[in-house]
Structures are given as structure tokens and as C-alpha cells.
Amino acid sequence: MSDIAKDSIGGFELRLLEELELLVAAPSSAVPPARRRWLPRSRLALVLVVVALVVGATATSIGAWRLVAQDARKAAIVSKLQRGRHVGPLVTSSGDWSLYAAGTGRGRTDWELSSQGETAGGAFLGRDPIELTSVSGAFGYEVLAGQVNAPKAASVAVLLRDGSRIPVQLEGKLFLLALTPAQRHPEAVVALDAVGRIVARARP
């Protein structure tokens, strides 16, 4: 949310307060004198209720914006609360981890990694040949996920330090691999063409 948008919200609240203040201060002359004594109090109570609702809703909106802006990991949590579900459909699973994603145009993909008790979220921008994200634990990477943008890529492999490869299936442009303890320090991720030649490489 921009500063202009936040200022407009504040201006709306101020205008609302001014209009309601006039309503309380100037009861209609058609109201009997006996009722004029308590009418301002009842209107003031109504004003306070309305203002509390407006201010509360505004604070909630700004709070959610700040949460997304300051912590990318919590973006998926906010999105799930707003949508009542994941950021997109389930793409693939590996081990205890699941990858949810939704394309938003121009190569960008919003993603969410979810496991028991942990959720991470962000976006692949579609700019680099291979874009990676990961969740790290005390003993290295627990899971790798990514988007392959190299045009000739047909498959993906994770290269380990001992020279071995772990083949990973592509789901469209996306992939996910939960790593065992012995695999948690990979050397690189490579994209391969249809005949097995490396067409792109990225380091975790």
C-alpha cells in the first residue's frame, strides 16, 4: 500500500469524524426539547461505535500490508488467511513437503512451500534460467524448489559434492526435492535438454 493510499484512508477517517461531530452537535429543531437532552449522548455512543469499526478495519489492512512488506516468509500465511486456502493449486510433493503455485503472468509464479508446522512463500520472477528457493535446517538444506526458465530445459538434476546426480521431475517449469541428511549440501542444480546436455546451472 502506498503512502498516498494510507493518507487517503486517514483523510477518510478525519472527514467521517467531522461529519459525525456536526451530527452530534446540531440535533434537528424538530426534536422535542425533552428528547434533546439525551439525544446527543445516544448519537455520541453511535459515533464511537462507527469510528471504532472504521479505525479497526483500517489498522487491520495496514497491519497486513506491513506483514507482507517486511517478511516474505509470512506472505503466504497472509494470503492463506485472506483466501482461506493455499496460494494456488498443489503442483507436486516430495517427502513431507508440498509445493503450491499460481502463475501471475510474464513468467512470474507465486509459490508456497508447506510442511507440518512450517510454511514459506514468495515468488519466482521468471528472469534467470533457473530460480531457486530453499528451506534450511540446522544440518543444511531440507528442501529445494525452483522454476526453470531456460527454453530448452526438459529435466532437472541436483548435483552432489561427491559427483552424483539426483534426477528431479519437472512439473511444467517447477520442481521440488526434499533432501535426505546425506544430500543437504548440494553443489548445484542443473537443467538438461532432451538429450541430457546441461543448458543452465544455478547454485543453491
N, C-alpha and C. Protein backbone atom coordinates (compact mmCIF):
# COMPACT_ATOMS: atom_id res chain seq x y z
N MET A 1 0.86 -1.20 0.00
CA MET A 1 0.00 0.00 0.00
C MET A 1 0.88 1.23 0.00
N SER A 2 0.66 2.18 -0.88
CA SER A 2 1.48 3.38 -0.99
C SER A 2 1.14 4.36 0.12
N ASP A 3 2.06 5.38 0.30
CA ASP A 3 1.79 6.43 1.28
C ASP A 3 0.55 7.21 0.90
N ILE A 4 0.31 7.39 -0.42
CA ILE A 4 -0.89 8.12 -0.86
C ILE A 4 -2.14 7.39 -0.43
N ALA A 5 -2.13 6.06 -0.59
CA ALA A 5 -3.30 5.28 -0.20
C ALA A 5 -3.54 5.38 1.29
N LYS A 6 -2.43 5.30 2.07
CA LYS A 6 -2.61 5.39 3.53
C LYS A 6 -3.09 6.77 3.94
N ASP A 7 -2.59 7.83 3.26
CA ASP A 7 -3.05 9.17 3.58
C ASP A 7 -4.52 9.34 3.25
N SER A 8 -4.98 8.70 2.15
CA SER A 8 -6.39 8.82 1.78
C SER A 8 -7.28 8.13 2.80
N ILE A 9 -6.77 7.00 3.37
CA ILE A 9 -7.53 6.33 4.42
C ILE A 9 -7.66 7.22 5.64
N GLY A 10 -6.51 7.87 6.02
CA GLY A 10 -6.55 8.77 7.16
C GLY A 10 -7.48 9.94 6.91
N GLY A 11 -7.48 10.49 5.66
CA GLY A 11 -8.36 11.59 5.34
C GLY A 11 -9.82 11.20 5.42
N PHE A 12 -10.13 9.97 5.01
CA PHE A 12 -11.50 9.49 5.10
C PHE A 12 -11.96 9.43 6.55
N GLU A 13 -11.08 8.93 7.42
CA GLU A 13 -11.45 8.87 8.85
C GLU A 13 -11.69 10.27 9.41
N LEU A 14 -10.82 11.23 9.02
CA LEU A 14 -10.97 12.59 9.53
C LEU A 14 -12.29 13.20 9.06
N ARG A 15 -12.62 13.03 7.77
CA ARG A 15 -13.88 13.57 7.26
C ARG A 15 -15.07 12.94 7.97
N LEU A 16 -14.97 11.64 8.25
CA LEU A 16 -16.06 10.95 8.94
C LEU A 16 -16.26 11.52 10.33
N LEU A 17 -15.15 11.77 11.04
CA LEU A 17 -15.24 12.34 12.38
C LEU A 17 -15.87 13.72 12.34
N GLU A 18 -15.48 14.54 11.35
CA GLU A 18 -16.03 15.89 11.26
C GLU A 18 -17.52 15.86 11.01
N GLU A 19 -17.98 14.99 10.09
CA GLU A 19 -19.41 14.90 9.80
C GLU A 19 -20.19 14.40 11.00
N LEU A 20 -19.65 13.44 11.69
CA LEU A 20 -20.35 12.90 12.85
C LEU A 20 -20.38 13.90 14.00
N GLU A 21 -19.30 14.70 14.11
CA GLU A 21 -19.28 15.74 15.15
C GLU A 21 -20.41 16.74 14.91
N LEU A 22 -20.62 17.13 13.65
CA LEU A 22 -21.72 18.05 13.34
C LEU A 22 -23.06 17.41 13.67
N LEU A 23 -23.19 16.12 13.41
CA LEU A 23 -24.44 15.42 13.68
C LEU A 23 -24.76 15.44 15.16
N VAL A 24 -23.74 15.25 15.98
CA VAL A 24 -23.97 15.24 17.43
C VAL A 24 -24.22 16.64 17.96
N ALA A 25 -23.49 17.62 17.43
CA ALA A 25 -23.58 18.97 17.99
C ALA A 25 -24.84 19.72 17.56
N ALA A 26 -25.47 19.31 16.47
CA ALA A 26 -26.60 20.08 15.95
C ALA A 26 -27.81 19.18 15.71
N PRO A 27 -28.54 18.80 16.77
CA PRO A 27 -29.74 18.00 16.57
C PRO A 27 -30.82 18.82 15.89
N SER A 28 -31.70 18.15 15.21
CA SER A 28 -32.76 18.82 14.46
C SER A 28 -33.67 19.61 15.40
N SER A 29 -34.13 20.77 14.91
CA SER A 29 -35.05 21.61 15.70
C SER A 29 -36.41 20.95 15.86
N ALA A 30 -36.69 19.92 15.03
CA ALA A 30 -37.97 19.24 15.12
C ALA A 30 -38.03 18.28 16.30
N VAL A 31 -36.90 18.00 16.92
CA VAL A 31 -36.89 17.08 18.06
C VAL A 31 -37.42 17.79 19.29
N PRO A 32 -38.36 17.19 20.03
CA PRO A 32 -38.90 17.82 21.24
C PRO A 32 -37.81 18.13 22.24
N PRO A 33 -37.95 19.23 23.00
CA PRO A 33 -36.91 19.61 23.97
C PRO A 33 -36.60 18.51 24.97
N ALA A 34 -37.60 17.74 25.37
CA ALA A 34 -37.35 16.69 26.36
C ALA A 34 -36.38 15.64 25.84
N ARG A 35 -36.40 15.42 24.51
CA ARG A 35 -35.53 14.40 23.93
C ARG A 35 -34.16 14.96 23.58
N ARG A 36 -34.06 16.31 23.45
CA ARG A 36 -32.78 16.87 23.05
C ARG A 36 -31.71 16.66 24.11
N ARG A 37 -32.14 16.48 25.39
CA ARG A 37 -31.16 16.34 26.46
C ARG A 37 -30.39 15.04 26.33
N TRP A 38 -31.06 13.96 25.91
CA TRP A 38 -30.35 12.67 25.81
C TRP A 38 -29.96 12.30 24.40
N LEU A 39 -30.48 13.01 23.40
CA LEU A 39 -30.16 12.66 22.01
C LEU A 39 -28.67 12.79 21.69
N PRO A 40 -28.00 13.88 22.11
CA PRO A 40 -26.56 13.96 21.82
C PRO A 40 -25.78 12.79 22.40
N ARG A 41 -26.16 12.34 23.61
CA ARG A 41 -25.44 11.23 24.22
C ARG A 41 -25.61 9.94 23.42
N SER A 42 -26.84 9.68 22.98
CA SER A 42 -27.06 8.46 22.20
C SER A 42 -26.35 8.53 20.86
N ARG A 43 -26.36 9.75 20.25
CA ARG A 43 -25.65 9.89 18.98
C ARG A 43 -24.15 9.75 19.17
N LEU A 44 -23.64 10.27 20.28
CA LEU A 44 -22.22 10.15 20.56
C LEU A 44 -21.82 8.68 20.71
N ALA A 45 -22.67 7.90 21.37
CA ALA A 45 -22.38 6.47 21.50
C ALA A 45 -22.32 5.81 20.13
N LEU A 46 -23.26 6.19 19.25
CA LEU A 46 -23.26 5.64 17.89
C LEU A 46 -21.99 6.05 17.14
N VAL A 47 -21.59 7.32 17.30
CA VAL A 47 -20.37 7.81 16.66
C VAL A 47 -19.17 6.98 17.09
N LEU A 48 -19.04 6.73 18.38
CA LEU A 48 -17.89 5.99 18.89
C LEU A 48 -17.84 4.58 18.34
N VAL A 49 -19.01 3.94 18.22
CA VAL A 49 -19.06 2.58 17.67
C VAL A 49 -18.61 2.59 16.22
N VAL A 50 -19.13 3.53 15.40
CA VAL A 50 -18.78 3.59 13.98
C VAL A 50 -17.29 3.87 13.81
N VAL A 51 -16.75 4.84 14.56
CA VAL A 51 -15.33 5.18 14.45
C VAL A 51 -14.46 4.00 14.83
N ALA A 52 -14.85 3.28 15.89
CA ALA A 52 -14.06 2.12 16.30
C ALA A 52 -14.00 1.07 15.21
N LEU A 53 -15.13 0.85 14.53
CA LEU A 53 -15.16 -0.13 13.45
C LEU A 53 -14.28 0.30 12.28
N VAL A 54 -14.37 1.60 11.90
CA VAL A 54 -13.58 2.08 10.77
C VAL A 54 -12.09 2.04 11.08
N VAL A 55 -11.71 2.54 12.26
CA VAL A 55 -10.30 2.55 12.63
C VAL A 55 -9.75 1.14 12.76
N GLY A 56 -10.54 0.24 13.34
CA GLY A 56 -10.11 -1.15 13.48
C GLY A 56 -9.87 -1.80 12.14
N ALA A 57 -10.79 -1.58 11.19
CA ALA A 57 -10.63 -2.18 9.86
C ALA A 57 -9.41 -1.61 9.15
N THR A 58 -9.19 -0.28 9.32
CA THR A 58 -8.03 0.33 8.68
C THR A 58 -6.74 -0.21 9.27
N ALA A 59 -6.68 -0.33 10.58
CA ALA A 59 -5.48 -0.86 11.23
C ALA A 59 -5.18 -2.27 10.79
N THR A 60 -6.25 -3.06 10.63
CA THR A 60 -6.05 -4.44 10.18
C THR A 60 -5.46 -4.48 8.79
N SER A 61 -5.97 -3.64 7.86
CA SER A 61 -5.47 -3.62 6.50
C SER A 61 -4.01 -3.19 6.45
N ILE A 62 -3.68 -2.10 7.17
CA ILE A 62 -2.31 -1.62 7.18
C ILE A 62 -1.39 -2.64 7.83
N GLY A 63 -1.86 -3.30 8.89
CA GLY A 63 -1.06 -4.32 9.55
C GLY A 63 -0.74 -5.47 8.63
N ALA A 64 -1.73 -5.91 7.84
CA ALA A 64 -1.49 -6.99 6.89
C ALA A 64 -0.50 -6.56 5.83
N TRP A 65 -0.61 -5.31 5.35
CA TRP A 65 0.33 -4.81 4.35
C TRP A 65 1.75 -4.79 4.90
N ARG A 66 1.91 -4.31 6.13
CA ARG A 66 3.24 -4.28 6.72
C ARG A 66 3.80 -5.68 6.90
N LEU A 67 2.95 -6.64 7.26
CA LEU A 67 3.39 -8.01 7.44
C LEU A 67 3.96 -8.57 6.15
N VAL A 68 3.26 -8.32 5.04
CA VAL A 68 3.73 -8.81 3.75
C VAL A 68 5.00 -8.08 3.33
N ALA A 69 5.04 -6.77 3.53
CA ALA A 69 6.16 -5.98 3.05
C ALA A 69 7.43 -6.29 3.82
N GLN A 70 7.34 -6.62 5.10
CA GLN A 70 8.51 -6.77 5.92
C GLN A 70 9.03 -8.20 5.96
N ASP A 71 8.22 -9.19 5.71
CA ASP A 71 8.65 -10.58 5.87
C ASP A 71 8.05 -11.42 4.77
N ALA A 72 8.88 -11.78 3.77
CA ALA A 72 8.37 -12.54 2.63
C ALA A 72 7.86 -13.91 3.04
N ARG A 73 8.45 -14.51 4.09
CA ARG A 73 8.01 -15.83 4.53
C ARG A 73 6.57 -15.81 5.00
N LYS A 74 6.10 -14.66 5.51
CA LYS A 74 4.74 -14.59 6.04
C LYS A 74 3.73 -14.22 4.97
N ALA A 75 4.21 -13.93 3.75
CA ALA A 75 3.28 -13.54 2.70
C ALA A 75 2.29 -14.64 2.40
N ALA A 76 2.77 -15.87 2.38
CA ALA A 76 1.86 -16.99 2.10
C ALA A 76 0.85 -17.17 3.22
N ILE A 77 1.26 -16.91 4.46
CA ILE A 77 0.34 -17.05 5.58
C ILE A 77 -0.79 -16.03 5.47
N VAL A 78 -0.43 -14.77 5.15
CA VAL A 78 -1.44 -13.73 4.98
C VAL A 78 -2.38 -14.10 3.84
N SER A 79 -1.79 -14.59 2.73
CA SER A 79 -2.61 -14.96 1.59
C SER A 79 -3.57 -16.08 1.95
N LYS A 80 -3.10 -17.07 2.74
CA LYS A 80 -3.96 -18.17 3.13
C LYS A 80 -5.11 -17.67 4.01
N LEU A 81 -4.82 -16.71 4.89
CA LEU A 81 -5.87 -16.18 5.74
C LEU A 81 -6.91 -15.43 4.92
N GLN A 82 -6.44 -14.68 3.91
CA GLN A 82 -7.36 -13.91 3.08
C GLN A 82 -8.18 -14.80 2.16
N ARG A 83 -7.56 -15.83 1.60
CA ARG A 83 -8.24 -16.70 0.64
C ARG A 83 -8.91 -17.89 1.31
N GLY A 84 -8.46 -18.24 2.51
CA GLY A 84 -8.95 -19.44 3.17
C GLY A 84 -8.38 -20.70 2.56
N ARG A 85 -7.24 -20.57 1.83
CA ARG A 85 -6.63 -21.74 1.21
C ARG A 85 -5.19 -21.37 0.86
N HIS A 86 -4.52 -22.29 0.10
CA HIS A 86 -3.14 -22.05 -0.31
C HIS A 86 -3.08 -21.02 -1.42
N VAL A 87 -1.84 -20.57 -1.76
CA VAL A 87 -1.68 -19.52 -2.76
C VAL A 87 -2.06 -20.00 -4.16
N GLY A 88 -2.15 -21.28 -4.36
CA GLY A 88 -2.50 -21.83 -5.67
C GLY A 88 -2.70 -23.33 -5.53
N PRO A 89 -2.93 -24.02 -6.65
CA PRO A 89 -3.14 -25.46 -6.59
C PRO A 89 -1.85 -26.21 -6.24
N LEU A 90 -2.02 -27.43 -5.77
CA LEU A 90 -0.88 -28.29 -5.47
C LEU A 90 -0.18 -28.67 -6.77
N VAL A 91 1.14 -28.44 -6.83
CA VAL A 91 1.92 -28.77 -8.02
C VAL A 91 2.59 -30.12 -7.88
N THR A 92 3.27 -30.33 -6.76
CA THR A 92 3.97 -31.58 -6.53
C THR A 92 4.32 -31.70 -5.06
N SER A 93 4.71 -32.91 -4.65
CA SER A 93 5.13 -33.17 -3.27
C SER A 93 6.40 -33.99 -3.28
N SER A 94 7.18 -33.83 -2.21
CA SER A 94 8.40 -34.61 -2.04
C SER A 94 8.66 -34.73 -0.55
N GLY A 95 8.75 -35.98 -0.07
CA GLY A 95 8.89 -36.17 1.36
C GLY A 95 7.70 -35.60 2.09
N ASP A 96 7.96 -34.80 3.12
CA ASP A 96 6.89 -34.16 3.89
C ASP A 96 6.50 -32.80 3.33
N TRP A 97 7.12 -32.40 2.23
CA TRP A 97 6.90 -31.05 1.70
C TRP A 97 5.98 -31.06 0.48
N SER A 98 5.20 -30.00 0.35
CA SER A 98 4.32 -29.82 -0.80
C SER A 98 4.55 -28.43 -1.39
N LEU A 99 4.48 -28.36 -2.72
CA LEU A 99 4.66 -27.10 -3.43
C LEU A 99 3.34 -26.68 -4.05
N TYR A 100 2.86 -25.51 -3.67
CA TYR A 100 1.66 -24.90 -4.25
C TYR A 100 2.11 -23.68 -5.06
N ALA A 101 1.48 -23.44 -6.19
CA ALA A 101 1.92 -22.32 -7.01
C ALA A 101 0.79 -21.84 -7.90
N ALA A 102 0.93 -20.56 -8.32
CA ALA A 102 -0.03 -19.97 -9.25
C ALA A 102 0.70 -18.96 -10.11
N GLY A 103 0.61 -19.11 -11.43
CA GLY A 103 1.21 -18.16 -12.35
C GLY A 103 0.44 -16.86 -12.36
N THR A 104 1.17 -15.73 -12.38
CA THR A 104 0.53 -14.42 -12.36
C THR A 104 0.87 -13.61 -13.61
N GLY A 105 1.43 -14.25 -14.63
CA GLY A 105 1.72 -13.55 -15.87
C GLY A 105 3.16 -13.11 -16.00
N ARG A 106 3.66 -13.02 -17.25
CA ARG A 106 5.01 -12.57 -17.57
C ARG A 106 6.08 -13.43 -16.89
N GLY A 107 5.81 -14.72 -16.73
CA GLY A 107 6.79 -15.63 -16.17
C GLY A 107 6.83 -15.68 -14.66
N ARG A 108 6.11 -14.79 -14.00
CA ARG A 108 6.12 -14.76 -12.54
C ARG A 108 5.21 -15.85 -11.99
N THR A 109 5.68 -16.48 -10.91
CA THR A 109 4.91 -17.53 -10.25
C THR A 109 4.96 -17.32 -8.74
N ASP A 110 3.80 -17.16 -8.13
CA ASP A 110 3.73 -17.12 -6.67
C ASP A 110 3.77 -18.55 -6.15
N TRP A 111 4.60 -18.81 -5.15
CA TRP A 111 4.77 -20.17 -4.66
C TRP A 111 4.63 -20.24 -3.15
N GLU A 112 4.34 -21.43 -2.68
CA GLU A 112 4.25 -21.71 -1.25
C GLU A 112 4.78 -23.11 -0.98
N LEU A 113 5.72 -23.21 -0.07
CA LEU A 113 6.22 -24.49 0.41
C LEU A 113 5.58 -24.77 1.76
N SER A 114 5.01 -25.94 1.90
CA SER A 114 4.27 -26.23 3.12
C SER A 114 4.64 -27.62 3.64
N SER A 115 4.88 -27.69 4.93
CA SER A 115 5.12 -28.95 5.62
C SER A 115 4.45 -28.86 6.98
N GLN A 116 4.53 -29.91 7.74
CA GLN A 116 3.90 -29.90 9.05
C GLN A 116 4.58 -28.86 9.94
N GLY A 117 3.81 -27.85 10.31
CA GLY A 117 4.32 -26.84 11.23
C GLY A 117 5.17 -25.76 10.59
N GLU A 118 5.35 -25.76 9.28
CA GLU A 118 6.19 -24.74 8.65
C GLU A 118 5.66 -24.40 7.27
N THR A 119 5.67 -23.10 6.96
CA THR A 119 5.22 -22.61 5.66
C THR A 119 6.15 -21.49 5.21
N ALA A 120 6.56 -21.54 3.96
CA ALA A 120 7.37 -20.48 3.37
C ALA A 120 6.72 -20.06 2.06
N GLY A 121 6.86 -18.79 1.70
CA GLY A 121 6.24 -18.31 0.48
C GLY A 121 7.03 -17.21 -0.18
N GLY A 122 6.80 -17.02 -1.47
CA GLY A 122 7.49 -15.98 -2.21
C GLY A 122 7.07 -16.02 -3.66
N ALA A 123 7.98 -15.60 -4.55
CA ALA A 123 7.65 -15.57 -5.98
C ALA A 123 8.90 -15.82 -6.81
N PHE A 124 8.75 -16.60 -7.86
CA PHE A 124 9.75 -16.70 -8.92
C PHE A 124 9.40 -15.65 -9.97
N LEU A 125 10.39 -14.88 -10.38
CA LEU A 125 10.12 -13.73 -11.26
C LEU A 125 10.24 -14.05 -12.74
N GLY A 126 10.76 -15.23 -13.08
CA GLY A 126 10.87 -15.62 -14.48
C GLY A 126 11.99 -14.95 -15.23
N ARG A 127 13.04 -14.50 -14.54
CA ARG A 127 14.13 -13.76 -15.18
C ARG A 127 15.37 -14.60 -15.42
N ASP A 128 15.78 -15.39 -14.44
CA ASP A 128 17.00 -16.18 -14.55
C ASP A 128 16.70 -17.55 -15.16
N PRO A 129 17.71 -18.20 -15.78
CA PRO A 129 17.48 -19.53 -16.35
C PRO A 129 16.94 -20.54 -15.34
N ILE A 130 17.48 -20.50 -14.11
CA ILE A 130 16.97 -21.33 -13.02
C ILE A 130 16.82 -20.44 -11.79
N GLU A 131 15.66 -20.44 -11.20
CA GLU A 131 15.42 -19.71 -9.95
C GLU A 131 15.18 -20.73 -8.84
N LEU A 132 15.84 -20.52 -7.71
CA LEU A 132 15.79 -21.48 -6.62
C LEU A 132 15.27 -20.84 -5.34
N THR A 133 14.66 -21.68 -4.53
CA THR A 133 14.33 -21.31 -3.16
C THR A 133 14.56 -22.55 -2.31
N SER A 134 14.72 -22.36 -1.03
CA SER A 134 15.03 -23.50 -0.17
C SER A 134 14.58 -23.21 1.25
N VAL A 135 14.48 -24.26 2.01
CA VAL A 135 14.26 -24.17 3.45
C VAL A 135 15.44 -24.86 4.11
N SER A 136 16.13 -24.14 4.98
CA SER A 136 17.34 -24.65 5.61
C SER A 136 17.07 -25.03 7.05
N GLY A 137 17.75 -26.08 7.49
CA GLY A 137 17.70 -26.50 8.88
C GLY A 137 19.08 -26.43 9.50
N ALA A 138 19.22 -27.01 10.66
CA ALA A 138 20.50 -26.97 11.37
C ALA A 138 21.59 -27.72 10.63
N PHE A 139 21.23 -28.66 9.77
CA PHE A 139 22.22 -29.50 9.11
C PHE A 139 22.22 -29.31 7.59
N GLY A 140 21.79 -28.15 7.11
CA GLY A 140 21.80 -27.87 5.68
C GLY A 140 20.41 -27.72 5.12
N TYR A 141 20.31 -27.82 3.80
CA TYR A 141 19.03 -27.64 3.12
C TYR A 141 18.12 -28.83 3.39
N GLU A 142 16.88 -28.56 3.75
CA GLU A 142 15.89 -29.61 3.93
C GLU A 142 15.11 -29.87 2.66
N VAL A 143 14.90 -28.81 1.87
CA VAL A 143 14.12 -28.95 0.64
C VAL A 143 14.57 -27.87 -0.34
N LEU A 144 14.60 -28.25 -1.62
CA LEU A 144 14.90 -27.31 -2.70
C LEU A 144 13.70 -27.26 -3.63
N ALA A 145 13.37 -26.07 -4.09
CA ALA A 145 12.32 -25.90 -5.08
C ALA A 145 12.77 -24.84 -6.06
N GLY A 146 12.20 -24.86 -7.25
CA GLY A 146 12.63 -23.87 -8.21
C GLY A 146 11.76 -23.81 -9.45
N GLN A 147 12.09 -22.83 -10.27
CA GLN A 147 11.43 -22.66 -11.56
C GLN A 147 12.52 -22.60 -12.63
N VAL A 148 12.34 -23.38 -13.69
CA VAL A 148 13.30 -23.42 -14.79
C VAL A 148 12.75 -22.60 -15.94
N ASN A 149 13.50 -21.56 -16.32
CA ASN A 149 13.06 -20.67 -17.40
C ASN A 149 13.87 -20.86 -18.68
N ALA A 150 14.90 -21.70 -18.63
CA ALA A 150 15.70 -21.97 -19.82
C ALA A 150 14.81 -22.62 -20.88
N PRO A 151 14.77 -22.09 -22.10
CA PRO A 151 13.78 -22.55 -23.08
C PRO A 151 13.89 -24.00 -23.50
N LYS A 152 15.10 -24.60 -23.48
CA LYS A 152 15.27 -25.97 -23.96
C LYS A 152 15.28 -27.00 -22.83
N ALA A 153 15.02 -26.57 -21.62
CA ALA A 153 15.10 -27.49 -20.48
C ALA A 153 13.99 -28.53 -20.54
N ALA A 154 14.38 -29.79 -20.32
CA ALA A 154 13.42 -30.89 -20.30
C ALA A 154 13.39 -31.61 -18.96
N SER A 155 14.45 -31.44 -18.18
CA SER A 155 14.51 -32.09 -16.87
C SER A 155 15.49 -31.34 -15.99
N VAL A 156 15.55 -31.73 -14.73
CA VAL A 156 16.42 -31.08 -13.75
C VAL A 156 17.16 -32.16 -12.97
N ALA A 157 18.36 -31.82 -12.53
CA ALA A 157 19.12 -32.72 -11.66
C ALA A 157 19.83 -31.90 -10.61
N VAL A 158 19.95 -32.47 -9.42
CA VAL A 158 20.71 -31.85 -8.34
C VAL A 158 22.06 -32.55 -8.27
N LEU A 159 23.15 -31.78 -8.36
CA LEU A 159 24.50 -32.32 -8.30
C LEU A 159 24.99 -32.28 -6.87
N LEU A 160 25.46 -33.42 -6.40
CA LEU A 160 26.02 -33.51 -5.05
C LEU A 160 27.54 -33.35 -5.09
N ARG A 161 28.14 -33.13 -3.95
CA ARG A 161 29.58 -32.87 -3.89
C ARG A 161 30.41 -34.09 -4.25
N ASP A 162 29.84 -35.28 -4.12
CA ASP A 162 30.58 -36.49 -4.48
C ASP A 162 30.50 -36.79 -5.98
N GLY A 163 29.85 -35.89 -6.75
CA GLY A 163 29.76 -36.07 -8.19
C GLY A 163 28.51 -36.78 -8.66
N SER A 164 27.71 -37.30 -7.76
CA SER A 164 26.48 -38.00 -8.15
C SER A 164 25.37 -36.99 -8.45
N ARG A 165 24.36 -37.49 -9.16
CA ARG A 165 23.22 -36.66 -9.54
C ARG A 165 21.93 -37.24 -8.99
N ILE A 166 21.03 -36.34 -8.63
CA ILE A 166 19.67 -36.76 -8.24
C ILE A 166 18.72 -36.21 -9.30
N PRO A 167 18.14 -37.06 -10.13
CA PRO A 167 17.19 -36.55 -11.13
C PRO A 167 15.91 -36.08 -10.46
N VAL A 168 15.38 -34.98 -10.97
CA VAL A 168 14.16 -34.39 -10.42
C VAL A 168 13.18 -34.15 -11.56
N GLN A 169 11.96 -34.56 -11.37
CA GLN A 169 10.95 -34.39 -12.42
C GLN A 169 10.45 -32.95 -12.46
N LEU A 170 10.33 -32.43 -13.66
CA LEU A 170 9.74 -31.10 -13.84
C LEU A 170 8.23 -31.21 -13.94
N GLU A 171 7.55 -30.32 -13.22
CA GLU A 171 6.09 -30.19 -13.34
C GLU A 171 5.82 -28.86 -14.01
N GLY A 172 5.72 -28.89 -15.35
CA GLY A 172 5.70 -27.64 -16.09
C GLY A 172 7.09 -27.03 -16.04
N LYS A 173 7.22 -25.90 -15.35
CA LYS A 173 8.53 -25.29 -15.13
C LYS A 173 9.03 -25.47 -13.70
N LEU A 174 8.24 -26.09 -12.86
CA LEU A 174 8.53 -26.12 -11.42
C LEU A 174 9.04 -27.49 -10.99
N PHE A 175 9.81 -27.49 -9.90
CA PHE A 175 10.28 -28.76 -9.33
C PHE A 175 10.44 -28.61 -7.82
N LEU A 176 10.47 -29.76 -7.15
CA LEU A 176 10.59 -29.80 -5.70
C LEU A 176 11.36 -31.05 -5.32
N LEU A 177 12.29 -30.93 -4.39
CA LEU A 177 13.05 -32.09 -3.92
C LEU A 177 13.33 -31.95 -2.43
N ALA A 178 12.81 -32.89 -1.64
CA ALA A 178 13.15 -32.98 -0.22
C ALA A 178 14.45 -33.77 -0.11
N LEU A 179 15.40 -33.24 0.62
CA LEU A 179 16.74 -33.82 0.68
C LEU A 179 16.91 -34.67 1.94
N THR A 180 17.58 -35.79 1.79
CA THR A 180 17.94 -36.62 2.94
C THR A 180 19.13 -35.97 3.64
N PRO A 181 19.44 -36.37 4.88
CA PRO A 181 20.59 -35.77 5.59
C PRO A 181 21.89 -35.85 4.80
N ALA A 182 22.09 -36.91 4.03
CA ALA A 182 23.33 -37.05 3.27
C ALA A 182 23.38 -36.16 2.03
N GLN A 183 22.24 -35.57 1.66
CA GLN A 183 22.15 -34.77 0.43
C GLN A 183 22.02 -33.27 0.70
N ARG A 184 22.17 -32.85 1.94
CA ARG A 184 21.78 -31.49 2.31
C ARG A 184 22.82 -30.41 2.03
N HIS A 185 23.87 -30.76 1.30
CA HIS A 185 24.85 -29.76 0.89
C HIS A 185 25.13 -29.92 -0.59
N PRO A 186 24.13 -29.70 -1.46
CA PRO A 186 24.30 -29.90 -2.90
C PRO A 186 25.27 -28.88 -3.51
N GLU A 187 25.90 -29.30 -4.59
CA GLU A 187 26.85 -28.44 -5.29
C GLU A 187 26.14 -27.49 -6.23
N ALA A 188 25.14 -27.99 -6.96
CA ALA A 188 24.46 -27.16 -7.95
C ALA A 188 23.17 -27.84 -8.38
N VAL A 189 22.34 -27.05 -9.06
CA VAL A 189 21.15 -27.55 -9.73
C VAL A 189 21.32 -27.26 -11.21
N VAL A 190 21.12 -28.29 -12.06
CA VAL A 190 21.31 -28.10 -13.49
C VAL A 190 20.02 -28.45 -14.22
N ALA A 191 19.78 -27.72 -15.32
CA ALA A 191 18.68 -28.03 -16.23
C ALA A 191 19.26 -28.72 -17.45
N LEU A 192 18.59 -29.77 -17.89
CA LEU A 192 19.07 -30.59 -19.00
C LEU A 192 18.09 -30.53 -20.16
N ASP A 193 18.62 -30.62 -21.38
CA ASP A 193 17.73 -30.68 -22.54
C ASP A 193 17.31 -32.12 -22.78
N ALA A 194 16.64 -32.36 -23.89
CA ALA A 194 16.07 -33.68 -24.15
C ALA A 194 17.11 -34.78 -24.31
N VAL A 195 18.34 -34.41 -24.68
CA VAL A 195 19.39 -35.42 -24.86
C VAL A 195 20.37 -35.45 -23.69
N GLY A 196 20.06 -34.71 -22.63
CA GLY A 196 20.87 -34.77 -21.41
C GLY A 196 21.97 -33.74 -21.30
N ARG A 197 22.03 -32.79 -22.21
CA ARG A 197 23.04 -31.74 -22.12
C ARG A 197 22.61 -30.64 -21.16
N ILE A 198 23.57 -30.11 -20.43
CA ILE A 198 23.28 -29.05 -19.47
C ILE A 198 23.04 -27.75 -20.21
N VAL A 199 21.89 -27.14 -19.96
CA VAL A 199 21.55 -25.87 -20.62
C VAL A 199 21.48 -24.71 -19.62
N ALA A 200 21.51 -25.01 -18.33
CA ALA A 200 21.51 -23.95 -17.32
C ALA A 200 21.99 -24.54 -16.01
N ARG A 201 22.59 -23.70 -15.19
CA ARG A 201 23.13 -24.14 -13.91
C ARG A 201 22.90 -23.04 -12.88
N ALA A 202 22.63 -23.44 -11.64
CA ALA A 202 22.46 -22.48 -10.55
C ALA A 202 22.97 -23.11 -9.27
N ARG A 203 23.51 -22.28 -8.40
CA ARG A 203 23.99 -22.75 -7.10
C ARG A 203 22.94 -22.44 -6.04
N PRO A 204 22.67 -23.39 -5.16
CA PRO A 204 21.68 -23.14 -4.08
C PRO A 204 22.18 -22.06 -3.13
